[in-house]
């Protein structure tokens, strides 16, 4: 996000498409973005001042009435609304279920022919926005949703829930006293200049958009999702989503502290490679850099009909990636595959460029203070941060002193490295003050691997997060560096 232009900007115009579709796909081409819409909904909740720990019934007391429409007031079949917070809805931790708009009973003739029993009219929603059915209204939601059983008790485990964002849309309208679309337009789209992003309705001219070839799935273009608009009703472009992602990372929407708080996991999942945020789908990789360190990718996918999208933020690099695809050749795995291949090539190059930039600043050198007999050498290597060697203070080797401490244990060799903390202040247009911290890795890489092999979980030897700022001396810590 610090570059004057995109690092990579690739587009392809398929030869087979609808007649009224654009004939030239580029960064301003409009796509349906599906569940990327959830980012706008979560942003709206945060910007209106709602707290994630607030209980949803504080804002919409009608939710309590939904319990009365259940089969019985017991947790096996009835949602415990007083236990569900705004944050639970935003992070898929509410347990309330996935969706109602795609209820199979909306097209009963298909399913009864396959052996499903016929249903009474009061057991079918009969609204959808597809296949000739009208979009679902708010009143229909409150009439029908109490009939749907919960999947889990709140905060049990992540379970993807479009319904959670339907409810957040209701909350946002109640608190803002505006329609959902007007609030998002006024507080997010207009301030960021997202002129090609629309809420619920496509652009006036289809020639601005890519619309896949004729077929059943093309019915999704222009479909009004009704109550599901906060879930997946947005239309946008690659350039607009790059602008959105950059505004999130630079803190212009929520402030720096609010952004850091938002870009954090809420819960783990059943795989070590993925955590859940609100609404981030956080991918965790240890094979994208030469040093195999953990990189977190804050992504949000969107899949609606033949449209499959991905927005990815990488805070470690201030990097934003958008991938928008459409057509019968695309599926939800394609955006994952493109993202993986792109980052496998791009991140090592960015990593090396960063190392070259640091070296050019003069930070990698030997610094000495002849009057005290002190010196330190900082250098760039294949590891993270900066390597520290020959760190002598008043004739004493700091690494040896740390190695003899109780934290390092039994005189194990110490490998100190210097890492940026992100804390800084701008002095003027060309100068800034940055704070860095030393991390002491005790032992060799081989001994760490041997130690880790003894445990049932990975990374037991990595305890550095608990050892920072351990040795203050006159209120200054020995691991505190300011440039």
Protein backbone atom coordinates (compact mmCIF):
# COMPACT_ATOMS: atom_id res chain seq x y z
CA UNK A 1 0.00 0.00 0.00
CA UNK A 2 3.08 2.25 0.07
CA UNK A 3 3.74 1.99 -3.67
CA UNK A 4 2.52 4.54 -6.25
CA UNK A 5 0.98 1.76 -8.35
CA UNK A 6 -0.04 -1.88 -8.03
CA UNK A 7 2.83 -4.37 -7.79
CA UNK A 8 0.82 -6.86 -9.85
CA UNK A 9 -2.19 -5.97 -12.03
CA UNK A 10 -3.46 -8.83 -14.19
CA UNK A 11 -6.84 -9.22 -15.91
CA UNK A 12 -8.34 -11.57 -18.48
CA UNK A 13 -11.42 -11.10 -20.65
CA UNK A 14 -13.00 -14.49 -21.48
CA UNK A 15 -14.23 -14.83 -25.05
CA UNK A 16 -17.50 -16.39 -23.86
CA UNK A 17 -19.68 -14.00 -21.87
CA UNK A 18 -23.10 -12.39 -21.92
CA UNK A 19 -23.72 -10.03 -24.81
CA UNK A 20 -24.21 -7.02 -22.52
CA UNK A 21 -21.08 -7.74 -20.46
CA UNK A 22 -17.95 -5.62 -20.71
CA UNK A 23 -15.64 -6.48 -23.59
CA UNK A 24 -12.53 -5.36 -21.68
CA UNK A 25 -11.95 -6.56 -18.12
CA UNK A 26 -9.72 -4.28 -16.04
CA UNK A 27 -9.35 -2.92 -12.51
CA UNK A 28 -12.61 -0.99 -12.77
CA UNK A 29 -14.74 -3.91 -13.94
CA UNK A 30 -17.65 -4.68 -11.60
CA UNK A 31 -18.20 -8.16 -10.14
CA UNK A 32 -20.53 -9.56 -7.54
CA UNK A 33 -18.29 -10.08 -4.51
CA UNK A 34 -20.50 -12.31 -2.37
CA UNK A 35 -19.42 -12.59 1.24
CA UNK A 36 -16.73 -9.93 0.96
CA UNK A 37 -19.85 -7.86 1.73
CA UNK A 38 -19.47 -9.02 5.34
CA UNK A 39 -16.41 -6.78 5.73
CA UNK A 40 -18.57 -3.72 5.05
CA UNK A 41 -21.12 -4.94 7.59
CA UNK A 42 -18.51 -5.52 10.28
CA UNK A 43 -16.94 -2.14 9.54
CA UNK A 44 -20.33 -0.50 9.85
CA UNK A 45 -20.86 -2.07 13.27
CA UNK A 46 -17.45 -0.88 14.49
CA UNK A 47 -17.86 2.63 13.08
CA UNK A 48 -21.29 3.19 14.60
CA UNK A 49 -19.78 2.60 18.05
CA UNK A 50 -21.31 -0.76 18.92
CA UNK A 51 -19.14 -2.86 21.23
CA UNK A 52 -18.38 -6.45 20.30
CA UNK A 53 -19.25 -7.65 23.82
CA UNK A 54 -22.71 -6.07 23.71
CA UNK A 55 -25.58 -8.57 23.80
CA UNK A 56 -27.63 -8.51 20.61
CA UNK A 57 -30.94 -8.32 22.52
CA UNK A 58 -29.84 -4.95 23.93
CA UNK A 59 -30.39 -3.58 20.43
CA UNK A 60 -33.12 -5.83 19.04
CA UNK A 61 -35.39 -7.07 21.87
CA UNK A 62 -37.51 -8.83 19.23
CA UNK A 63 -34.90 -11.58 19.14
CA UNK A 64 -36.10 -12.74 22.54
CA UNK A 65 -39.54 -13.24 21.03
CA UNK A 66 -38.10 -15.68 18.51
CA UNK A 67 -37.77 -18.21 21.32
CA UNK A 68 -41.54 -18.43 21.50
CA UNK A 69 -41.75 -19.67 17.90
CA UNK A 70 -39.42 -22.60 18.57
CA UNK A 71 -40.65 -26.10 19.33
CA UNK A 72 -39.81 -25.71 23.01
CA UNK A 73 -37.85 -23.41 25.28
CA UNK A 74 -34.83 -25.62 25.69
CA UNK A 75 -31.29 -25.13 24.35
CA UNK A 76 -31.43 -28.18 22.08
CA UNK A 77 -34.00 -26.57 19.80
CA UNK A 78 -34.12 -22.88 20.77
CA UNK A 79 -31.47 -20.19 20.40
CA UNK A 80 -30.34 -18.63 23.68
CA UNK A 81 -30.44 -15.03 22.44
CA UNK A 82 -29.41 -13.43 25.73
CA UNK A 83 -26.05 -15.21 25.44
CA UNK A 84 -25.26 -14.03 21.92
CA UNK A 85 -23.08 -10.96 21.53
CA UNK A 86 -22.42 -8.73 18.55
CA UNK A 87 -18.92 -10.20 18.38
CA UNK A 88 -20.29 -13.75 18.33
CA UNK A 89 -22.38 -12.87 15.28
CA UNK A 90 -19.45 -11.16 13.52
CA UNK A 91 -17.01 -14.03 14.15
CA UNK A 92 -19.29 -16.99 13.35
CA UNK A 93 -19.34 -18.00 17.03
CA UNK A 94 -23.08 -17.60 17.66
CA UNK A 95 -24.08 -21.17 16.73
CA UNK A 96 -27.36 -19.96 15.22
CA UNK A 97 -27.07 -21.72 11.86
CA UNK A 98 -25.94 -20.97 8.33
CA UNK A 99 -28.75 -19.53 6.21
CA UNK A 100 -32.47 -19.53 5.51
CA UNK A 101 -32.52 -17.90 2.08
CA UNK A 102 -31.31 -21.13 0.47
CA UNK A 103 -33.89 -23.33 2.20
CA UNK A 104 -34.47 -26.29 -0.10
CA UNK A 105 -38.21 -26.00 0.49
CA UNK A 106 -38.24 -22.88 -1.71
CA UNK A 107 -38.28 -25.25 -4.70
CA UNK A 108 -40.13 -28.24 -3.15
CA UNK A 109 -40.95 -30.02 -6.40
CA UNK A 110 -37.26 -30.76 -6.98
CA UNK A 111 -36.79 -32.32 -3.57
CA UNK A 112 -40.06 -34.18 -3.21
CA UNK A 113 -39.19 -35.94 -6.48
CA UNK A 114 -36.05 -37.17 -4.72
CA UNK A 115 -37.96 -38.59 -1.77
CA UNK A 116 -38.27 -35.60 0.58
CA UNK A 117 -41.70 -35.41 2.28
CA UNK A 118 -44.20 -32.78 1.22
CA UNK A 119 -44.35 -29.79 3.58
CA UNK A 120 -47.25 -27.69 4.82
CA UNK A 121 -47.31 -24.13 3.51
CA UNK A 122 -46.35 -22.73 6.92
CA UNK A 123 -43.15 -24.81 6.83
CA UNK A 124 -41.75 -23.17 3.69
CA UNK A 125 -40.28 -19.66 3.52
CA UNK A 126 -41.24 -19.17 -0.17
CA UNK A 127 -38.85 -16.26 -0.55
CA UNK A 128 -35.35 -16.22 -1.95
CA UNK A 129 -34.80 -13.73 -4.75
CA UNK A 130 -34.05 -16.54 -7.20
CA UNK A 131 -36.03 -18.79 -9.53
CA UNK A 132 -39.00 -16.44 -9.64
CA UNK A 133 -39.30 -16.11 -5.86
CA UNK A 134 -39.33 -12.65 -4.23
CA UNK A 135 -36.49 -11.53 -1.94
CA UNK A 136 -36.99 -12.22 1.75
CA UNK A 137 -38.20 -9.30 3.85
CA UNK A 138 -37.35 -8.39 7.44
CA UNK A 139 -40.84 -9.31 8.64
CA UNK A 140 -40.54 -12.77 7.07
CA UNK A 141 -37.28 -13.27 8.92
CA UNK A 142 -38.81 -12.60 12.33
CA UNK A 143 -41.82 -14.73 11.41
CA UNK A 144 -39.79 -17.78 10.39
CA UNK A 145 -36.37 -17.81 12.01
CA UNK A 146 -37.53 -19.02 15.41
CA UNK A 147 -38.46 -22.31 13.76
CA UNK A 148 -34.81 -23.02 12.97
CA UNK A 149 -32.82 -25.00 15.56
CA UNK A 150 -29.42 -23.76 16.75
CA UNK A 151 -26.36 -25.74 15.71
CA UNK A 152 -24.26 -25.02 18.82
CA UNK A 153 -24.49 -23.02 22.01
CA UNK A 154 -22.85 -19.59 21.63
CA UNK A 155 -19.02 -19.58 21.76
CA UNK A 156 -18.73 -23.35 21.35
CA UNK A 157 -16.85 -23.40 18.04
CA UNK A 158 -16.77 -21.43 14.78
CA UNK A 159 -19.57 -22.35 12.37
CA UNK A 160 -20.00 -20.25 9.25
CA UNK A 161 -23.17 -18.21 9.58
CA UNK A 162 -24.72 -15.92 7.00
CA UNK A 163 -27.58 -15.43 9.45
CA UNK A 164 -25.25 -13.70 11.90
CA UNK A 165 -24.69 -10.93 9.38
CA UNK A 166 -28.40 -10.67 8.59
CA UNK A 167 -28.85 -9.86 12.27
CA UNK A 168 -25.94 -7.40 12.27
CA UNK A 169 -27.65 -5.61 9.39
CA UNK A 170 -30.81 -5.28 11.51
CA UNK A 171 -28.75 -3.99 14.45
CA UNK A 172 -26.95 -1.46 12.27
CA UNK A 173 -30.21 -0.05 10.95
CA UNK A 174 -31.67 0.17 14.46
CA UNK A 175 -28.67 1.98 15.95
CA UNK A 176 -27.95 4.31 13.02
CA UNK A 177 -31.62 5.07 12.33
CA UNK A 178 -30.77 4.71 8.64
CA UNK A 179 -31.26 2.03 6.03
CA UNK A 180 -28.34 -0.37 5.79
CA UNK A 181 -27.39 0.78 2.29
CA UNK A 182 -27.56 4.48 3.17
CA UNK A 183 -25.41 4.01 6.27
CA UNK A 184 -22.71 2.09 4.41
CA UNK A 185 -22.77 4.63 1.58
CA UNK A 186 -22.43 7.59 3.95
CA UNK A 187 -19.78 6.20 6.32
CA UNK A 188 -17.64 3.92 4.12
CA UNK A 189 -18.21 4.11 0.37
CA UNK A 190 -18.38 7.89 -0.07
CA UNK A 191 -15.49 8.79 2.29
CA UNK A 192 -13.23 6.28 0.52
CA UNK A 193 -14.37 7.26 -2.97
CA UNK A 194 -15.57 3.75 -3.81
CA UNK A 195 -17.65 5.00 -6.73
CA UNK A 196 -17.93 1.59 -8.41
CA UNK A 197 -19.11 -0.26 -5.31
CA UNK A 198 -22.86 -0.61 -4.83
CA UNK A 199 -25.06 -2.12 -2.12
CA UNK A 200 -27.70 -4.59 -3.24
CA UNK A 201 -28.12 -3.30 -6.79
CA UNK A 202 -25.76 -3.65 -9.77
CA UNK A 203 -24.32 -0.68 -11.66
CA UNK A 204 -26.73 1.07 -13.99
CA UNK A 205 -24.83 -0.04 -17.09
CA UNK A 206 -24.05 -3.77 -17.41
CA UNK A 207 -21.20 -2.79 -19.74
CA UNK A 208 -19.24 -1.82 -16.60
CA UNK A 209 -19.47 -5.40 -15.35
CA UNK A 210 -18.30 -8.87 -16.23
CA UNK A 211 -21.35 -11.11 -16.54
CA UNK A 212 -20.62 -14.79 -17.24
CA UNK A 213 -22.03 -16.73 -20.16
CA UNK A 214 -25.67 -17.73 -20.40
CA UNK A 215 -26.85 -20.41 -18.00
CA UNK A 216 -28.59 -21.05 -14.71
CA UNK A 217 -25.91 -19.38 -12.61
CA UNK A 218 -26.15 -16.11 -14.53
CA UNK A 219 -29.46 -15.60 -12.73
CA UNK A 220 -27.37 -14.34 -9.81
CA UNK A 221 -26.47 -11.12 -11.62
CA UNK A 222 -28.87 -8.42 -10.46
CA UNK A 223 -30.63 -10.63 -7.91
CA UNK A 224 -31.94 -8.70 -4.89
CA UNK A 225 -30.92 -10.66 -1.80
CA UNK A 226 -33.33 -8.87 0.53
CA UNK A 227 -32.34 -9.47 4.15
CA UNK A 228 -29.14 -11.17 2.93
CA UNK A 229 -27.75 -7.95 1.43
CA UNK A 230 -25.38 -7.40 4.42
CA UNK A 231 -24.26 -11.00 3.88
CA UNK A 232 -23.42 -11.02 0.19
CA UNK A 233 -25.25 -8.33 -1.75
CA UNK A 234 -22.39 -6.02 -2.75
CA UNK A 235 -20.94 -5.31 -6.18
CA UNK A 236 -17.39 -3.99 -6.46
CA UNK A 237 -14.20 -3.79 -8.51
CA UNK A 238 -10.58 -4.84 -7.97
CA UNK A 239 -9.49 -1.22 -7.63
CA UNK A 240 -12.21 -0.35 -5.11
CA UNK A 241 -11.33 -3.37 -2.97
CA UNK A 242 -7.64 -2.42 -3.07
CA UNK A 243 -8.66 1.02 -1.81
CA UNK A 244 -10.78 -0.54 0.94
CA UNK A 245 -7.99 -2.88 2.04
CA UNK A 246 -5.43 -0.07 2.09
CA UNK A 247 -7.77 2.11 4.17
CA UNK A 248 -8.16 -0.72 6.66
CA UNK A 249 -4.42 -1.31 6.98
CA UNK A 250 -3.47 2.38 7.26
CA UNK A 251 -5.99 2.92 10.04
CA UNK A 252 -7.98 5.65 8.32
CA UNK A 253 -11.31 3.91 9.01
CA UNK A 254 -10.96 2.74 12.62
CA UNK A 255 -7.76 4.40 13.81
CA UNK A 256 -4.50 2.52 14.36
CA UNK A 257 -5.49 0.93 17.66
CA UNK A 258 -8.97 -0.03 16.48
CA UNK A 259 -7.51 -1.60 13.34
CA UNK A 260 -4.96 -3.65 15.28
CA UNK A 261 -7.73 -4.89 17.55
CA UNK A 262 -9.92 -5.85 14.59
CA UNK A 263 -7.12 -7.69 12.76
CA UNK A 264 -6.79 -10.39 15.39
CA UNK A 265 -8.07 -13.96 15.70
CA UNK A 266 -11.20 -14.58 17.75
CA UNK A 267 -11.09 -18.38 17.71
CA UNK A 268 -9.09 -21.30 16.41
CA UNK A 269 -10.63 -23.84 14.04
CA UNK A 270 -10.17 -27.57 13.55
CA UNK A 271 -7.03 -26.93 11.49
CA UNK A 272 -3.77 -25.31 12.59
CA UNK A 273 -3.65 -23.41 9.31
CA UNK A 274 -6.79 -21.34 9.89
CA UNK A 275 -8.23 -19.08 12.57
CA UNK A 276 -11.41 -17.02 12.61
CA UNK A 277 -11.73 -13.27 13.05
CA UNK A 278 -14.69 -10.94 12.74
CA UNK A 279 -15.26 -11.75 9.91
CA UNK A 280 -11.70 -12.57 8.83
CA UNK A 281 -10.79 -16.03 7.59
CA UNK A 282 -7.18 -16.03 8.81
CA UNK A 283 -4.80 -18.32 6.94
CA UNK A 284 -1.52 -19.11 8.74
CA UNK A 285 1.54 -20.16 6.75
CA UNK A 286 5.12 -21.04 7.69
CA UNK A 287 6.45 -21.72 4.19
CA UNK A 288 6.26 -18.35 2.45
CA UNK A 289 9.63 -16.95 3.58
CA UNK A 290 13.19 -18.28 3.68
CA UNK A 291 13.18 -18.33 7.49
CA UNK A 292 9.86 -20.25 7.64
CA UNK A 293 8.36 -17.81 10.11
CA UNK A 294 4.62 -17.61 10.67
CA UNK A 295 2.76 -15.23 8.34
CA UNK A 296 -0.93 -14.49 8.90
CA UNK A 297 -3.15 -13.71 5.92
CA UNK A 298 -6.37 -11.87 6.82
CA UNK A 299 -8.70 -12.96 4.06
CA UNK A 300 -12.39 -12.81 3.25
CA UNK A 301 -13.78 -14.93 0.49
CA UNK A 302 -16.96 -14.39 -1.46
CA UNK A 303 -18.88 -16.95 -3.51
CA UNK A 304 -22.20 -16.24 -5.16
CA UNK A 305 -23.29 -18.14 -8.25
CA UNK A 306 -20.41 -18.14 -10.73
CA UNK A 307 -18.60 -15.31 -8.90
CA UNK A 308 -15.70 -16.26 -6.63
CA UNK A 309 -13.66 -13.57 -4.90
CA UNK A 310 -10.91 -13.06 -2.35
CA UNK A 311 -9.68 -10.02 -0.43
CA UNK A 312 -6.43 -10.59 1.45
CA UNK A 313 -4.64 -8.25 3.87
CA UNK A 314 -1.13 -9.05 5.12
CA UNK A 315 -0.36 -6.63 7.98
CA UNK A 316 3.28 -7.79 8.23
CA UNK A 317 3.90 -6.35 4.77
CA UNK A 318 1.15 -3.71 4.48
CA UNK A 319 0.06 -5.72 1.45
CA UNK A 320 -3.43 -5.92 -0.09
CA UNK A 321 -4.43 -8.56 -2.65
CA UNK A 322 -7.75 -8.79 -4.49
CA UNK A 323 -8.77 -11.71 -6.68
CA UNK A 324 -12.12 -11.53 -8.50
CA UNK A 325 -13.17 -14.34 -10.82
CA UNK A 326 -16.36 -15.28 -12.64
CA UNK A 327 -17.59 -17.91 -15.05
CA UNK A 328 -18.30 -21.61 -15.16
CA UNK A 329 -14.56 -22.39 -15.33
CA UNK A 330 -14.03 -20.77 -11.91
CA UNK A 331 -14.90 -22.24 -8.54
CA UNK A 332 -14.27 -21.31 -4.92
CA UNK A 333 -10.91 -23.14 -4.90
CA UNK A 334 -9.56 -21.06 -7.79
CA UNK A 335 -9.14 -17.89 -5.73
CA UNK A 336 -7.28 -19.88 -3.05
CA UNK A 337 -5.00 -21.39 -5.69
CA UNK A 338 -4.25 -18.01 -7.28
CA UNK A 339 -3.56 -16.45 -3.87
CA UNK A 340 -1.22 -19.27 -2.87
CA UNK A 341 0.76 -19.19 -6.11
CA UNK A 342 0.95 -15.40 -6.11
CA UNK A 343 2.23 -15.13 -2.53
CA UNK A 344 4.70 -17.98 -3.01
CA UNK A 345 6.37 -15.85 -5.70
CA UNK A 346 5.68 -12.35 -4.39
CA UNK A 347 6.49 -12.50 -0.67
CA UNK A 348 10.09 -13.74 -1.03
CA UNK A 349 10.72 -10.90 -3.49
CA UNK A 350 9.18 -8.33 -1.13
CA UNK A 351 11.16 -9.82 1.73
CA UNK A 352 14.44 -9.40 -0.16
CA UNK A 353 13.51 -5.88 -1.24
CA UNK A 354 12.92 -5.01 2.41
CA UNK A 355 16.31 -6.39 3.40
CA UNK A 356 17.98 -4.40 0.61
CA UNK A 357 16.17 -1.25 1.73
CA UNK A 358 17.28 -1.68 5.35
CA UNK A 359 20.86 -2.23 4.24
CA UNK A 360 20.73 0.97 2.18
CA UNK A 361 19.68 3.04 5.22
CA UNK A 362 22.94 2.42 7.04
CA UNK A 363 21.30 0.42 9.83
CA UNK A 364 23.43 -2.61 8.93
CA UNK A 365 26.86 -1.65 10.18
CA UNK A 366 29.18 -1.84 13.17
CA UNK A 367 28.43 0.84 15.74
CA UNK A 368 31.07 1.72 18.32
CA UNK A 369 31.53 3.95 21.35
CA UNK A 370 35.27 4.19 21.93
CA UNK A 371 34.89 6.02 25.22
CA UNK A 372 33.12 3.06 26.86
CA UNK A 373 34.63 0.22 24.87
CA UNK A 374 31.21 -0.74 23.49
CA UNK A 375 30.28 -1.98 20.02
CA UNK A 376 27.60 -3.90 18.14
CA UNK A 377 27.31 -5.23 14.59
CA UNK A 378 23.93 -5.38 12.83
CA UNK A 379 23.60 -7.31 9.58
CA UNK A 380 21.03 -8.77 7.20
CA UNK A 381 20.95 -12.52 6.61
CA UNK A 382 18.33 -15.15 5.76
CA UNK A 383 16.71 -14.84 9.17
CA UNK A 384 13.97 -12.45 10.33
CA UNK A 385 14.81 -8.93 11.47
CA UNK A 386 18.49 -8.04 11.87
CA UNK A 387 21.25 -10.32 13.06
CA UNK A 388 23.29 -9.09 16.05
CA UNK A 389 26.91 -10.04 16.51
CA UNK A 390 29.90 -8.77 18.51
CA UNK A 391 27.66 -7.03 21.04
CA UNK A 392 30.07 -5.71 23.61
CA UNK A 393 29.12 -3.26 26.38
CA UNK A 394 31.99 -1.87 28.46
CA UNK A 395 34.11 -4.86 27.65
CA UNK A 396 31.43 -7.48 28.39
CA UNK A 397 29.77 -9.73 25.81
CA UNK A 398 26.01 -9.26 26.19
CA UNK A 399 25.24 -12.64 24.64
CA UNK A 400 27.45 -14.40 27.18
CA UNK A 401 25.79 -12.50 30.03
CA UNK A 402 22.34 -13.55 28.80
CA UNK A 403 23.49 -17.14 28.31
CA UNK A 404 24.47 -17.33 31.96
CA UNK A 405 21.05 -16.08 33.11
CA UNK A 406 18.32 -18.32 34.48
CA UNK A 407 16.15 -17.61 31.42
CA UNK A 408 18.66 -18.97 28.90
CA UNK A 409 19.61 -21.86 31.17
CA UNK A 410 22.90 -23.67 31.71
CA UNK A 411 25.06 -21.46 29.58
CA UNK A 412 23.42 -22.37 26.26
CA UNK A 413 24.66 -20.30 23.32
CA UNK A 414 22.52 -17.27 22.56
CA UNK A 415 21.54 -15.92 19.14
CA UNK A 416 20.27 -12.35 19.56
CA UNK A 417 18.20 -10.76 16.78
CA UNK A 418 16.67 -7.32 16.44
CA UNK A 419 13.01 -6.92 15.44
CA UNK A 420 10.93 -3.82 14.62
CA UNK A 421 8.03 -3.17 16.99
CA UNK A 422 6.15 -0.80 14.71
CA UNK A 423 6.39 1.99 17.30
CA UNK A 424 7.66 5.16 15.63
CA UNK A 425 7.22 8.88 15.25
CA UNK A 426 7.77 11.06 12.19
CA UNK A 427 10.34 13.80 12.81
CA UNK A 428 9.93 15.42 9.40
CA UNK A 429 9.35 14.37 5.79
CA UNK A 430 12.63 12.45 5.62
CA UNK A 431 13.34 11.40 9.20
CA UNK A 432 11.61 9.20 11.76
CA UNK A 433 12.38 7.58 15.11
CA UNK A 434 11.76 3.83 15.28
CA UNK A 435 11.74 1.46 18.26
CA UNK A 436 13.16 -2.06 17.90
CA UNK A 437 13.53 -4.90 20.41
CA UNK A 438 16.09 -7.66 20.79
CA UNK A 439 14.93 -11.26 20.99
CA UNK A 440 17.39 -13.75 22.49
CA UNK A 441 17.14 -17.27 21.07
CA UNK A 442 18.87 -19.67 23.46
CA UNK A 443 20.61 -22.74 22.07
CA UNK A 444 21.22 -23.78 18.50
CA UNK A 445 18.61 -24.44 15.85
CA UNK A 446 19.46 -28.14 16.10
CA UNK A 447 18.99 -28.24 19.87
CA UNK A 448 15.66 -26.42 19.52
CA UNK A 449 14.47 -29.02 17.01
CA UNK A 450 15.54 -31.84 19.35
CA UNK A 451 13.66 -30.19 22.20
CA UNK A 452 10.51 -29.67 20.11
CA UNK A 453 10.49 -33.35 19.11
CA UNK A 454 9.85 -34.31 22.74
CA UNK A 455 6.47 -32.55 22.90
CA UNK A 456 3.02 -33.32 21.54
CA UNK A 457 2.60 -29.75 20.22
CA UNK A 458 4.80 -27.73 17.84
CA UNK A 459 7.15 -24.90 18.77
CA UNK A 460 7.75 -25.63 22.47
CA UNK A 461 11.22 -24.09 22.22
CA UNK A 462 9.79 -20.74 21.08
CA UNK A 463 9.20 -18.89 24.36
CA UNK A 464 10.54 -15.50 23.28
CA UNK A 465 7.14 -13.81 23.57
CA UNK A 466 7.36 -14.34 27.35
CA UNK A 467 10.97 -13.20 27.68
CA UNK A 468 10.90 -9.71 26.18
CA UNK A 469 11.60 -6.71 28.43
CA UNK A 470 12.94 -9.03 31.16
CA UNK A 471 15.97 -6.95 32.13
CA UNK A 472 15.21 -3.29 32.83
CA UNK A 473 18.13 -1.29 34.19
CA UNK A 474 17.28 2.17 35.47
CA UNK A 475 13.89 1.94 33.68
CA UNK A 476 15.57 1.14 30.34
CA UNK A 477 15.61 -2.46 29.12
CA UNK A 478 18.72 -3.98 27.62
CA UNK A 479 16.64 -5.23 24.69
CA UNK A 480 15.34 -1.72 23.83
CA UNK A 481 16.83 -0.09 20.72
CA UNK A 482 15.76 3.26 19.26
CA UNK A 483 16.92 4.45 15.83
